[in-house]
Amino acid sequence: MALRINDTAPDFTAETTEGTINFHEWIGDGYAVLFSHPKNFTPVCTTELGAMAGLVPEFEKRGAKIIGISVDPIEDHNKWKSDIASYTGHSVSYPLIADPEMKIAKAYDMLPAEAEGEPGKRTPADNATVRTVFIIGPDKKVKLSMTYPMTTGRNFDEILRALDSIQLTAKHKVATPANWQKGGDVIITGGVSDDEARETFGTFEQKLPYIRTTKQPA
């Protein structure tokens, strides 16, 4: 069963490079970004883990934790860290989950239930669908999921942009338009009357009968 937006993210207990965690407890009262990769010591994923390591301060500003996962064991994760730091210039400070029995990958519908085999003998192609980014909210619900092919490095600036939108729209009755950037104008949601919009936002522009825009709320 595929995970959908607003489904509860499956909870789990797992070994990570930072020790044993219970996922929901680890998330706490903030946001979490769970991102998976098919195999350690692969080129695109090496660049991605380094890119995320460099963005840790930005996610922390937003009250969001980062955690990575693959079906490889802890010892491989720890060995890989030195390659990531050497190539990208960023040291991985966030935990990496070991999922050698593929239980978490299957729970998050990244691998079919019938997938089997020893992690060391599975190739990146075997795990090609373990390439999803999940944003999970304080309520432990899935807020976003994006799956990329193995040959396309992920744009984590876009994940930050999406997180900004998710957090803004959770607090205010607004939506963000295409290509929105933090600080840009937003759209007032349809459930807000014109009178309520004026009271809440001060002023707005009626672009179309169904589109009202206003400045981003503080």
N, C-alpha and C. Protein backbone atom coordinates (compact mmCIF):
# COMPACT_ATOMS: atom_id res chain seq x y z
N MET A 1 0.85 -1.19 0.00
CA MET A 1 0.00 0.00 0.00
C MET A 1 0.88 1.24 0.00
N ALA A 2 0.73 2.08 -1.02
CA ALA A 2 1.58 3.25 -1.12
C ALA A 2 1.27 4.26 -0.03
N LEU A 3 2.31 4.92 0.47
CA LEU A 3 2.12 6.00 1.43
C LEU A 3 1.63 7.23 0.69
N ARG A 4 0.64 7.89 1.26
CA ARG A 4 0.09 9.09 0.66
C ARG A 4 0.28 10.27 1.60
N ILE A 5 0.11 11.48 1.05
CA ILE A 5 0.16 12.68 1.86
C ILE A 5 -0.86 12.57 2.99
N ASN A 6 -0.44 12.90 4.19
CA ASN A 6 -1.25 12.87 5.42
C ASN A 6 -1.44 11.48 6.00
N ASP A 7 -0.84 10.45 5.38
CA ASP A 7 -0.76 9.15 6.06
C ASP A 7 0.24 9.25 7.20
N THR A 8 0.03 8.46 8.24
CA THR A 8 1.01 8.41 9.32
C THR A 8 2.27 7.70 8.83
N ALA A 9 3.41 8.32 9.01
CA ALA A 9 4.68 7.70 8.61
C ALA A 9 4.92 6.47 9.48
N PRO A 10 5.21 5.32 8.89
CA PRO A 10 5.46 4.12 9.70
C PRO A 10 6.53 4.35 10.76
N ASP A 11 6.25 3.94 11.97
CA ASP A 11 7.23 4.03 13.04
C ASP A 11 8.13 2.81 12.99
N PHE A 12 9.32 2.92 13.52
CA PHE A 12 10.24 1.78 13.55
C PHE A 12 11.34 2.05 14.56
N THR A 13 11.98 0.99 14.98
CA THR A 13 13.19 1.07 15.79
C THR A 13 14.33 0.51 14.95
N ALA A 14 15.43 1.23 14.88
CA ALA A 14 16.51 0.81 13.99
C ALA A 14 17.86 1.23 14.54
N GLU A 15 18.89 0.54 14.07
CA GLU A 15 20.26 0.91 14.36
C GLU A 15 20.71 1.99 13.37
N THR A 16 21.38 3.00 13.88
CA THR A 16 21.90 4.06 13.03
C THR A 16 23.35 4.33 13.41
N THR A 17 23.99 5.18 12.64
CA THR A 17 25.37 5.56 12.95
C THR A 17 25.45 6.38 14.23
N GLU A 18 24.31 6.82 14.76
CA GLU A 18 24.27 7.57 16.02
C GLU A 18 23.62 6.75 17.14
N GLY A 19 23.51 5.44 16.93
CA GLY A 19 22.90 4.57 17.95
C GLY A 19 21.49 4.15 17.57
N THR A 20 20.85 3.43 18.48
CA THR A 20 19.49 2.93 18.24
C THR A 20 18.49 4.06 18.42
N ILE A 21 17.55 4.16 17.48
CA ILE A 21 16.50 5.17 17.60
C ILE A 21 15.13 4.53 17.42
N ASN A 22 14.13 5.14 18.06
CA ASN A 22 12.73 4.92 17.72
C ASN A 22 12.34 6.13 16.89
N PHE A 23 11.89 5.91 15.68
CA PHE A 23 11.75 7.00 14.71
C PHE A 23 10.82 8.11 15.20
N HIS A 24 9.63 7.77 15.63
CA HIS A 24 8.70 8.81 16.07
C HIS A 24 9.24 9.57 17.29
N GLU A 25 9.86 8.88 18.19
CA GLU A 25 10.46 9.56 19.34
C GLU A 25 11.60 10.46 18.89
N TRP A 26 12.38 9.99 17.94
CA TRP A 26 13.52 10.76 17.43
C TRP A 26 13.04 12.05 16.76
N ILE A 27 11.93 11.98 16.02
CA ILE A 27 11.39 13.18 15.38
C ILE A 27 11.02 14.22 16.43
N GLY A 28 10.41 13.78 17.53
CA GLY A 28 10.01 14.72 18.58
C GLY A 28 8.90 15.63 18.11
N ASP A 29 9.01 16.93 18.44
CA ASP A 29 7.94 17.87 18.11
C ASP A 29 8.31 18.78 16.94
N GLY A 30 9.28 18.34 16.14
CA GLY A 30 9.67 19.11 14.96
C GLY A 30 9.38 18.34 13.69
N TYR A 31 10.06 18.74 12.63
CA TYR A 31 9.93 18.08 11.33
C TYR A 31 11.12 17.15 11.10
N ALA A 32 10.95 16.20 10.20
CA ALA A 32 12.05 15.31 9.83
C ALA A 32 12.08 15.14 8.32
N VAL A 33 13.29 15.03 7.79
CA VAL A 33 13.49 14.72 6.38
C VAL A 33 14.19 13.36 6.32
N LEU A 34 13.47 12.36 5.86
CA LEU A 34 13.99 11.01 5.70
C LEU A 34 14.30 10.81 4.22
N PHE A 35 15.58 10.57 3.90
CA PHE A 35 15.90 10.36 2.49
C PHE A 35 16.70 9.08 2.32
N SER A 36 16.33 8.33 1.29
CA SER A 36 16.89 6.99 1.10
C SER A 36 17.78 6.94 -0.13
N HIS A 37 18.66 5.97 -0.13
CA HIS A 37 19.53 5.76 -1.28
C HIS A 37 19.72 4.27 -1.51
N PRO A 38 19.91 3.86 -2.78
CA PRO A 38 19.93 2.44 -3.11
C PRO A 38 21.13 1.65 -2.58
N LYS A 39 22.29 2.32 -2.48
CA LYS A 39 23.50 1.56 -2.16
C LYS A 39 24.58 2.53 -1.72
N ASN A 40 25.36 2.12 -0.71
CA ASN A 40 26.53 2.90 -0.32
C ASN A 40 27.61 2.81 -1.40
N PHE A 41 28.54 3.77 -1.35
CA PHE A 41 29.68 3.81 -2.28
C PHE A 41 29.21 3.88 -3.74
N THR A 42 28.16 4.65 -3.97
CA THR A 42 27.70 4.92 -5.33
C THR A 42 27.88 6.41 -5.60
N PRO A 43 28.14 6.79 -6.87
CA PRO A 43 28.57 8.17 -7.14
C PRO A 43 27.53 9.25 -6.87
N VAL A 44 26.32 9.09 -7.40
CA VAL A 44 25.31 10.14 -7.22
C VAL A 44 24.95 10.30 -5.75
N CYS A 45 24.78 9.18 -5.06
CA CYS A 45 24.41 9.24 -3.65
C CYS A 45 25.51 9.87 -2.80
N THR A 46 26.75 9.67 -3.18
CA THR A 46 27.86 10.30 -2.45
C THR A 46 27.72 11.82 -2.50
N THR A 47 27.40 12.34 -3.69
CA THR A 47 27.22 13.79 -3.81
C THR A 47 26.01 14.26 -3.00
N GLU A 48 24.98 13.45 -2.96
CA GLU A 48 23.75 13.84 -2.27
C GLU A 48 23.94 13.90 -0.76
N LEU A 49 24.57 12.89 -0.20
CA LEU A 49 24.77 12.89 1.25
C LEU A 49 25.66 14.05 1.67
N GLY A 50 26.64 14.39 0.82
CA GLY A 50 27.48 15.54 1.11
C GLY A 50 26.70 16.84 1.02
N ALA A 51 25.84 16.94 0.01
CA ALA A 51 25.02 18.15 -0.14
C ALA A 51 24.13 18.35 1.07
N MET A 52 23.52 17.26 1.54
CA MET A 52 22.66 17.36 2.72
C MET A 52 23.47 17.74 3.96
N ALA A 53 24.68 17.20 4.06
CA ALA A 53 25.53 17.54 5.20
C ALA A 53 25.82 19.04 5.23
N GLY A 54 26.00 19.63 4.05
CA GLY A 54 26.26 21.06 3.98
C GLY A 54 25.04 21.92 4.31
N LEU A 55 23.84 21.32 4.21
CA LEU A 55 22.60 22.07 4.46
C LEU A 55 22.04 21.87 5.87
N VAL A 56 22.74 21.10 6.69
CA VAL A 56 22.24 20.84 8.04
C VAL A 56 21.86 22.12 8.78
N PRO A 57 22.68 23.19 8.77
CA PRO A 57 22.30 24.40 9.49
C PRO A 57 20.98 25.00 9.00
N GLU A 58 20.73 24.91 7.70
CA GLU A 58 19.48 25.46 7.15
C GLU A 58 18.27 24.66 7.64
N PHE A 59 18.40 23.36 7.68
CA PHE A 59 17.30 22.54 8.19
C PHE A 59 17.09 22.78 9.68
N GLU A 60 18.19 22.93 10.41
CA GLU A 60 18.08 23.19 11.85
C GLU A 60 17.34 24.49 12.12
N LYS A 61 17.57 25.53 11.30
CA LYS A 61 16.86 26.80 11.45
C LYS A 61 15.36 26.60 11.35
N ARG A 62 14.95 25.60 10.61
CA ARG A 62 13.54 25.34 10.37
C ARG A 62 12.97 24.28 11.32
N GLY A 63 13.76 23.90 12.31
CA GLY A 63 13.30 22.89 13.26
C GLY A 63 13.13 21.52 12.65
N ALA A 64 13.98 21.21 11.66
CA ALA A 64 13.87 19.94 10.94
C ALA A 64 15.15 19.12 11.11
N LYS A 65 14.99 17.84 11.38
CA LYS A 65 16.11 16.92 11.48
C LYS A 65 16.27 16.16 10.15
N ILE A 66 17.49 15.75 9.87
CA ILE A 66 17.80 14.98 8.67
C ILE A 66 18.21 13.57 9.09
N ILE A 67 17.75 12.59 8.32
CA ILE A 67 18.17 11.21 8.57
C ILE A 67 18.19 10.46 7.24
N GLY A 68 19.27 9.72 6.99
CA GLY A 68 19.40 8.95 5.76
C GLY A 68 19.17 7.46 6.02
N ILE A 69 18.93 6.72 4.95
CA ILE A 69 18.71 5.28 5.09
C ILE A 69 19.11 4.55 3.82
N SER A 70 19.73 3.38 4.00
CA SER A 70 19.89 2.42 2.90
C SER A 70 19.84 1.03 3.52
N VAL A 71 19.86 0.01 2.67
CA VAL A 71 19.80 -1.35 3.19
C VAL A 71 21.17 -1.86 3.61
N ASP A 72 22.18 -1.00 3.54
CA ASP A 72 23.54 -1.41 3.92
C ASP A 72 23.72 -1.39 5.44
N PRO A 73 24.71 -2.15 5.94
CA PRO A 73 24.94 -2.21 7.39
C PRO A 73 25.68 -0.98 7.91
N ILE A 74 25.68 -0.84 9.24
CA ILE A 74 26.29 0.31 9.90
C ILE A 74 27.77 0.46 9.55
N GLU A 75 28.50 -0.64 9.54
CA GLU A 75 29.93 -0.54 9.28
C GLU A 75 30.22 0.06 7.90
N ASP A 76 29.38 -0.25 6.91
CA ASP A 76 29.54 0.34 5.59
C ASP A 76 29.21 1.84 5.61
N HIS A 77 28.18 2.21 6.36
CA HIS A 77 27.84 3.63 6.49
C HIS A 77 29.04 4.41 7.03
N ASN A 78 29.64 3.88 8.08
CA ASN A 78 30.75 4.59 8.72
C ASN A 78 31.96 4.69 7.79
N LYS A 79 32.21 3.65 7.01
CA LYS A 79 33.32 3.70 6.04
C LYS A 79 33.05 4.72 4.94
N TRP A 80 31.81 4.78 4.53
CA TRP A 80 31.42 5.67 3.42
C TRP A 80 31.58 7.14 3.80
N LYS A 81 31.39 7.44 5.08
CA LYS A 81 31.44 8.84 5.53
C LYS A 81 32.74 9.53 5.12
N SER A 82 33.85 8.80 5.18
CA SER A 82 35.14 9.43 4.85
C SER A 82 35.21 9.78 3.36
N ASP A 83 34.66 8.94 2.51
CA ASP A 83 34.61 9.25 1.08
C ASP A 83 33.75 10.49 0.83
N ILE A 84 32.62 10.57 1.52
CA ILE A 84 31.71 11.70 1.34
C ILE A 84 32.40 13.00 1.73
N ALA A 85 33.07 12.98 2.87
CA ALA A 85 33.77 14.18 3.34
C ALA A 85 34.90 14.55 2.39
N SER A 86 35.63 13.56 1.91
CA SER A 86 36.76 13.81 1.02
C SER A 86 36.29 14.42 -0.31
N TYR A 87 35.21 13.88 -0.84
CA TYR A 87 34.75 14.33 -2.17
C TYR A 87 33.97 15.64 -2.13
N THR A 88 33.11 15.80 -1.11
CA THR A 88 32.21 16.96 -1.09
C THR A 88 32.67 18.08 -0.16
N GLY A 89 33.58 17.76 0.77
CA GLY A 89 34.02 18.77 1.73
C GLY A 89 33.07 18.94 2.91
N HIS A 90 32.06 18.08 3.00
CA HIS A 90 31.09 18.15 4.10
C HIS A 90 31.07 16.82 4.85
N SER A 91 31.19 16.89 6.16
CA SER A 91 31.13 15.68 6.99
C SER A 91 29.69 15.38 7.38
N VAL A 92 29.31 14.14 7.24
CA VAL A 92 27.94 13.72 7.58
C VAL A 92 27.79 13.68 9.10
N SER A 93 26.98 14.58 9.63
CA SER A 93 26.76 14.65 11.08
C SER A 93 25.40 14.10 11.47
N TYR A 94 24.55 13.84 10.49
CA TYR A 94 23.21 13.32 10.77
C TYR A 94 23.26 11.78 10.74
N PRO A 95 22.30 11.12 11.39
CA PRO A 95 22.35 9.65 11.43
C PRO A 95 22.00 9.00 10.10
N LEU A 96 22.61 7.85 9.86
CA LEU A 96 22.28 7.00 8.72
C LEU A 96 21.73 5.69 9.25
N ILE A 97 20.55 5.33 8.79
CA ILE A 97 19.88 4.12 9.26
C ILE A 97 20.38 2.91 8.48
N ALA A 98 20.62 1.83 9.19
CA ALA A 98 20.91 0.54 8.56
C ALA A 98 19.61 -0.25 8.46
N ASP A 99 19.32 -0.74 7.26
CA ASP A 99 18.07 -1.48 7.03
C ASP A 99 18.38 -2.78 6.28
N PRO A 100 19.29 -3.62 6.84
CA PRO A 100 19.74 -4.80 6.11
C PRO A 100 18.65 -5.83 5.83
N GLU A 101 17.58 -5.81 6.62
CA GLU A 101 16.47 -6.74 6.36
C GLU A 101 15.40 -6.11 5.48
N MET A 102 15.63 -4.88 5.08
CA MET A 102 14.75 -4.15 4.15
C MET A 102 13.35 -3.91 4.73
N LYS A 103 13.23 -4.00 6.04
CA LYS A 103 11.91 -3.84 6.65
C LYS A 103 11.39 -2.41 6.51
N ILE A 104 12.27 -1.44 6.70
CA ILE A 104 11.85 -0.04 6.62
C ILE A 104 11.55 0.34 5.17
N ALA A 105 12.42 -0.09 4.26
CA ALA A 105 12.20 0.18 2.84
C ALA A 105 10.85 -0.37 2.38
N LYS A 106 10.49 -1.54 2.87
CA LYS A 106 9.21 -2.13 2.51
C LYS A 106 8.05 -1.41 3.19
N ALA A 107 8.23 -1.03 4.46
CA ALA A 107 7.17 -0.33 5.18
C ALA A 107 6.84 1.00 4.52
N TYR A 108 7.86 1.64 3.91
CA TYR A 108 7.65 2.92 3.23
C TYR A 108 7.38 2.73 1.74
N ASP A 109 7.11 1.49 1.34
CA ASP A 109 6.74 1.16 -0.04
C ASP A 109 7.81 1.54 -1.04
N MET A 110 9.08 1.49 -0.60
CA MET A 110 10.17 1.75 -1.53
C MET A 110 10.68 0.47 -2.18
N LEU A 111 10.35 -0.66 -1.58
CA LEU A 111 10.64 -1.97 -2.15
C LEU A 111 9.39 -2.83 -2.01
N PRO A 112 9.17 -3.75 -2.95
CA PRO A 112 8.01 -4.64 -2.82
C PRO A 112 8.19 -5.62 -1.66
N ALA A 113 7.08 -6.09 -1.13
CA ALA A 113 7.11 -6.98 0.04
C ALA A 113 7.91 -8.25 -0.24
N GLU A 114 7.94 -8.67 -1.50
CA GLU A 114 8.63 -9.93 -1.83
C GLU A 114 10.13 -9.74 -2.08
N ALA A 115 10.65 -8.54 -1.99
CA ALA A 115 12.09 -8.32 -2.20
C ALA A 115 12.89 -9.11 -1.17
N GLU A 116 13.98 -9.71 -1.61
CA GLU A 116 14.80 -10.52 -0.71
C GLU A 116 16.25 -10.51 -1.17
N GLY A 117 17.11 -11.12 -0.36
CA GLY A 117 18.52 -11.20 -0.71
C GLY A 117 19.38 -10.47 0.30
N GLU A 118 20.65 -10.90 0.41
CA GLU A 118 21.58 -10.26 1.33
C GLU A 118 21.92 -8.86 0.81
N PRO A 119 21.98 -7.87 1.72
CA PRO A 119 22.26 -6.50 1.28
C PRO A 119 23.55 -6.39 0.46
N GLY A 120 24.60 -7.11 0.88
CA GLY A 120 25.87 -7.02 0.19
C GLY A 120 25.83 -7.56 -1.23
N LYS A 121 24.86 -8.42 -1.51
CA LYS A 121 24.76 -9.02 -2.84
C LYS A 121 23.72 -8.32 -3.72
N ARG A 122 22.94 -7.43 -3.12
CA ARG A 122 21.97 -6.67 -3.91
C ARG A 122 22.69 -5.49 -4.58
N THR A 123 22.40 -5.26 -5.83
CA THR A 123 23.04 -4.19 -6.58
C THR A 123 22.22 -2.90 -6.45
N PRO A 124 22.82 -1.76 -6.82
CA PRO A 124 22.02 -0.54 -6.83
C PRO A 124 20.75 -0.68 -7.66
N ALA A 125 20.85 -1.40 -8.78
CA ALA A 125 19.67 -1.60 -9.63
C ALA A 125 18.57 -2.38 -8.89
N ASP A 126 18.98 -3.32 -8.03
CA ASP A 126 18.00 -4.06 -7.25
C ASP A 126 17.21 -3.15 -6.32
N ASN A 127 17.89 -2.08 -5.87
CA ASN A 127 17.29 -1.16 -4.90
C ASN A 127 16.96 0.19 -5.54
N ALA A 128 16.79 0.21 -6.84
CA ALA A 128 16.64 1.48 -7.57
C ALA A 128 15.50 2.34 -7.05
N THR A 129 14.47 1.71 -6.51
CA THR A 129 13.31 2.49 -6.04
C THR A 129 13.50 3.05 -4.64
N VAL A 130 14.63 2.72 -4.01
CA VAL A 130 14.93 3.30 -2.69
C VAL A 130 15.60 4.66 -2.93
N ARG A 131 14.81 5.60 -3.44
CA ARG A 131 15.33 6.92 -3.85
C ARG A 131 14.29 7.99 -3.54
N THR A 132 13.65 7.87 -2.38
CA THR A 132 12.57 8.78 -2.03
C THR A 132 12.97 9.71 -0.89
N VAL A 133 12.52 10.95 -0.99
CA VAL A 133 12.64 11.90 0.12
C VAL A 133 11.26 12.07 0.74
N PHE A 134 11.18 11.92 2.04
CA PHE A 134 9.94 12.15 2.78
C PHE A 134 10.14 13.33 3.72
N ILE A 135 9.18 14.26 3.74
CA ILE A 135 9.11 15.25 4.81
C ILE A 135 7.99 14.82 5.73
N ILE A 136 8.30 14.71 7.00
CA ILE A 136 7.35 14.22 8.00
C ILE A 136 7.16 15.30 9.05
N GLY A 137 5.92 15.59 9.40
CA GLY A 137 5.62 16.68 10.31
C GLY A 137 5.64 16.28 11.76
N PRO A 138 5.48 17.25 12.65
CA PRO A 138 5.44 16.96 14.10
C PRO A 138 4.32 16.01 14.48
N ASP A 139 3.27 15.97 13.65
CA ASP A 139 2.15 15.05 13.89
C ASP A 139 2.43 13.66 13.36
N LYS A 140 3.65 13.46 12.84
CA LYS A 140 4.13 12.19 12.29
C LYS A 140 3.42 11.80 11.00
N LYS A 141 2.83 12.78 10.33
CA LYS A 141 2.17 12.55 9.05
C LYS A 141 3.12 12.89 7.91
N VAL A 142 2.97 12.17 6.80
CA VAL A 142 3.77 12.46 5.60
C VAL A 142 3.26 13.76 4.98
N LYS A 143 4.15 14.72 4.82
CA LYS A 143 3.79 16.00 4.22
C LYS A 143 4.22 16.09 2.76
N LEU A 144 5.24 15.32 2.39
CA LEU A 144 5.76 15.34 1.02
C LEU A 144 6.53 14.06 0.77
N SER A 145 6.46 13.57 -0.46
CA SER A 145 7.36 12.49 -0.89
C SER A 145 7.74 12.74 -2.34
N MET A 146 9.02 12.56 -2.63
CA MET A 146 9.53 12.76 -3.99
C MET A 146 10.51 11.63 -4.29
N THR A 147 10.30 10.94 -5.41
CA THR A 147 11.17 9.83 -5.79
C THR A 147 11.92 10.17 -7.07
N TYR A 148 13.22 9.96 -7.04
CA TYR A 148 14.09 10.30 -8.16
C TYR A 148 14.72 9.03 -8.75
N PRO A 149 15.02 9.04 -10.07
CA PRO A 149 15.80 7.94 -10.64
C PRO A 149 17.25 8.00 -10.16
N MET A 150 17.94 6.88 -10.26
CA MET A 150 19.31 6.80 -9.75
C MET A 150 20.27 7.75 -10.44
N THR A 151 19.99 8.08 -11.69
CA THR A 151 20.93 8.90 -12.47
C THR A 151 20.69 10.39 -12.30
N THR A 152 19.70 10.78 -11.51
CA THR A 152 19.37 12.19 -11.32
C THR A 152 19.58 12.59 -9.87
N GLY A 153 20.63 13.37 -9.63
CA GLY A 153 20.89 13.83 -8.27
C GLY A 153 19.77 14.73 -7.78
N ARG A 154 19.42 14.57 -6.53
CA ARG A 154 18.30 15.32 -5.97
C ARG A 154 18.66 16.78 -5.70
N ASN A 155 17.67 17.65 -5.83
CA ASN A 155 17.85 19.08 -5.58
C ASN A 155 17.36 19.37 -4.16
N PHE A 156 18.27 19.43 -3.22
CA PHE A 156 17.86 19.60 -1.83
C PHE A 156 17.51 21.05 -1.50
N ASP A 157 17.89 21.98 -2.37
CA ASP A 157 17.37 23.34 -2.22
C ASP A 157 15.86 23.34 -2.42
N GLU A 158 15.38 22.49 -3.33
CA GLU A 158 13.94 22.37 -3.54
C GLU A 158 13.25 21.77 -2.32
N ILE A 159 13.92 20.83 -1.65
CA ILE A 159 13.35 20.26 -0.43
C ILE A 159 13.23 21.34 0.64
N LEU A 160 14.22 22.20 0.74
CA LEU A 160 14.15 23.33 1.68
C LEU A 160 13.00 24.27 1.31
N ARG A 161 12.86 24.57 0.02
CA ARG A 161 11.79 25.45 -0.45
C ARG A 161 10.43 24.85 -0.11
N ALA A 162 10.28 23.55 -0.37
CA ALA A 162 9.02 22.88 -0.06
C ALA A 162 8.74 22.89 1.44
N LEU A 163 9.78 22.68 2.24
CA LEU A 163 9.62 22.70 3.69
C LEU A 163 9.16 24.09 4.15
N ASP A 164 9.73 25.15 3.57
CA ASP A 164 9.29 26.50 3.91
C ASP A 164 7.80 26.67 3.62
N SER A 165 7.37 26.17 2.48
CA SER A 165 5.95 26.27 2.11
C SER A 165 5.08 25.45 3.05
N ILE A 166 5.50 24.24 3.34
CA ILE A 166 4.73 23.36 4.23
C ILE A 166 4.55 23.99 5.60
N GLN A 167 5.63 24.56 6.13
CA GLN A 167 5.55 25.16 7.46
C GLN A 167 4.72 26.43 7.45
N LEU A 168 4.85 27.24 6.40
CA LEU A 168 4.06 28.47 6.30
C LEU A 168 2.57 28.16 6.19
N THR A 169 2.23 27.23 5.31
CA THR A 169 0.81 26.95 5.06
C THR A 169 0.17 26.15 6.19
N ALA A 170 0.99 25.56 7.06
CA ALA A 170 0.44 24.89 8.24
C ALA A 170 -0.02 25.91 9.29
N LYS A 171 0.56 27.11 9.24
CA LYS A 171 0.27 28.14 10.24
C LYS A 171 -0.76 29.17 9.75
N HIS A 172 -0.82 29.37 8.43
CA HIS A 172 -1.67 30.42 7.88
C HIS A 172 -2.56 29.84 6.78
N LYS A 173 -3.69 30.48 6.54
CA LYS A 173 -4.65 30.00 5.55
C LYS A 173 -4.25 30.48 4.17
N VAL A 174 -3.09 30.04 3.74
CA VAL A 174 -2.55 30.43 2.44
C VAL A 174 -1.97 29.20 1.74
N ALA A 175 -1.74 29.36 0.44
CA ALA A 175 -1.03 28.37 -0.37
C ALA A 175 0.07 29.12 -1.11
N THR A 176 1.05 28.39 -1.61
CA THR A 176 2.15 29.05 -2.33
C THR A 176 2.07 28.71 -3.82
N PRO A 177 2.28 29.67 -4.70
CA PRO A 177 2.19 29.43 -6.14
C PRO A 177 3.41 28.71 -6.68
N ALA A 178 3.34 28.39 -7.96
CA ALA A 178 4.47 27.74 -8.64
C ALA A 178 5.73 28.59 -8.50
N ASN A 179 6.84 27.91 -8.23
CA ASN A 179 8.16 28.56 -8.14
C ASN A 179 8.26 29.59 -7.01
N TRP A 180 7.35 29.52 -6.06
CA TRP A 180 7.40 30.44 -4.92
C TRP A 180 8.71 30.30 -4.18
N GLN A 181 9.21 31.44 -3.71
CA GLN A 181 10.38 31.47 -2.84
C GLN A 181 10.01 32.20 -1.56
N LYS A 182 10.67 31.87 -0.48
CA LYS A 182 10.38 32.48 0.81
C LYS A 182 10.41 34.00 0.69
N GLY A 183 9.36 34.64 1.18
CA GLY A 183 9.24 36.09 1.09
C GLY A 183 8.36 36.55 -0.04
N GLY A 184 8.03 35.65 -0.96
CA GLY A 184 7.20 36.00 -2.10
C GLY A 184 5.72 36.04 -1.75
N ASP A 185 4.92 36.61 -2.65
CA ASP A 185 3.48 36.67 -2.43
C ASP A 185 2.88 35.27 -2.37
N VAL A 186 1.78 35.16 -1.65
CA VAL A 186 1.11 33.87 -1.47
C VAL A 186 -0.35 33.99 -1.89
N ILE A 187 -1.02 32.85 -1.98
CA ILE A 187 -2.41 32.78 -2.39
C ILE A 187 -3.28 32.52 -1.17
N ILE A 188 -4.34 33.28 -1.03
CA ILE A 188 -5.28 33.07 0.08
C ILE A 188 -6.16 31.88 -0.28
N THR A 189 -6.33 30.95 0.65
CA THR A 189 -7.09 29.73 0.37
C THR A 189 -8.57 30.04 0.18
N GLY A 190 -9.23 29.14 -0.57
CA GLY A 190 -10.61 29.37 -0.96
C GLY A 190 -11.60 29.40 0.19
N GLY A 191 -11.26 28.77 1.31
CA GLY A 191 -12.17 28.74 2.44
C GLY A 191 -12.22 30.03 3.24
N VAL A 192 -11.42 31.01 2.86
CA VAL A 192 -11.36 32.29 3.57
C VAL A 192 -12.22 33.31 2.82
N SER A 193 -13.18 33.89 3.49
CA SER A 193 -14.02 34.91 2.85
C SER A 193 -13.22 36.19 2.62
N ASP A 194 -13.74 37.07 1.76
CA ASP A 194 -13.06 38.33 1.52
C ASP A 194 -12.94 39.16 2.80
N ASP A 195 -14.01 39.17 3.59
CA ASP A 195 -13.98 39.93 4.84
C ASP A 195 -12.92 39.38 5.79
N GLU A 196 -12.87 38.05 5.91
CA GLU A 196 -11.86 37.43 6.78
C GLU A 196 -10.46 37.69 6.25
N ALA A 197 -10.32 37.68 4.92
CA ALA A 197 -9.01 37.93 4.31
C ALA A 197 -8.53 39.34 4.64
N ARG A 198 -9.45 40.32 4.55
CA ARG A 198 -9.06 41.70 4.88
C ARG A 198 -8.68 41.83 6.35
N GLU A 199 -9.45 41.15 7.20
CA GLU A 199 -9.16 41.21 8.64
C GLU A 199 -7.84 40.53 8.97
N THR A 200 -7.57 39.43 8.29
CA THR A 200 -6.36 38.63 8.59
C THR A 200 -5.12 39.19 7.92
N PHE A 201 -5.24 39.53 6.64
CA PHE A 201 -4.06 39.89 5.85
C PHE A 201 -3.96 41.39 5.54
N GLY A 202 -4.99 42.13 5.85
CA GLY A 202 -4.97 43.57 5.57
C GLY A 202 -5.47 43.88 4.18
N THR A 203 -4.66 43.59 3.19
CA THR A 203 -5.06 43.83 1.81
C THR A 203 -4.74 42.60 0.97
N PHE A 204 -5.40 42.51 -0.17
CA PHE A 204 -5.10 41.44 -1.12
C PHE A 204 -5.48 41.91 -2.51
N GLU A 205 -4.95 41.21 -3.52
CA GLU A 205 -5.28 41.50 -4.91
C GLU A 205 -6.12 40.37 -5.48
N GLN A 206 -7.22 40.73 -6.13
CA GLN A 206 -8.09 39.74 -6.78
C GLN A 206 -7.59 39.55 -8.21
N LYS A 207 -6.74 38.58 -8.44
CA LYS A 207 -6.14 38.36 -9.75
C LYS A 207 -7.13 37.74 -10.73
N LEU A 208 -7.89 36.76 -10.23
CA LEU A 208 -8.96 36.09 -10.97
C LEU A 208 -10.08 35.83 -9.96
N PRO A 209 -11.27 35.47 -10.41
CA PRO A 209 -12.34 35.23 -9.44
C PRO A 209 -11.96 34.23 -8.34
N TYR A 210 -11.03 33.32 -8.65
CA TYR A 210 -10.64 32.28 -7.70
C TYR A 210 -9.18 32.40 -7.24
N ILE A 211 -8.52 33.50 -7.57
CA ILE A 211 -7.14 33.70 -7.12
C ILE A 211 -7.02 35.06 -6.45
N ARG A 212 -6.71 35.04 -5.15
CA ARG A 212 -6.43 36.25 -4.38
C ARG A 212 -5.02 36.13 -3.82
N THR A 213 -4.20 37.11 -4.07
CA THR A 213 -2.83 37.06 -3.58
C THR A 213 -2.60 38.14 -2.54
N THR A 214 -1.64 37.87 -1.65
CA THR A 214 -1.29 38.81 -0.61
C THR A 214 0.17 38.62 -0.23
N LYS A 215 0.70 39.55 0.55
CA LYS A 215 2.08 39.41 1.02
C LYS A 215 2.19 38.21 1.95
N GLN A 216 3.37 37.59 1.94
CA GLN A 216 3.60 36.45 2.84
C GLN A 216 3.41 36.90 4.29
N PRO A 217 2.59 36.18 5.07
CA PRO A 217 2.45 36.52 6.48
C PRO A 217 3.79 36.38 7.20
N ALA A 218 4.00 37.20 8.21
CA ALA A 218 5.24 37.15 8.97
C ALA A 218 5.31 35.85 9.75
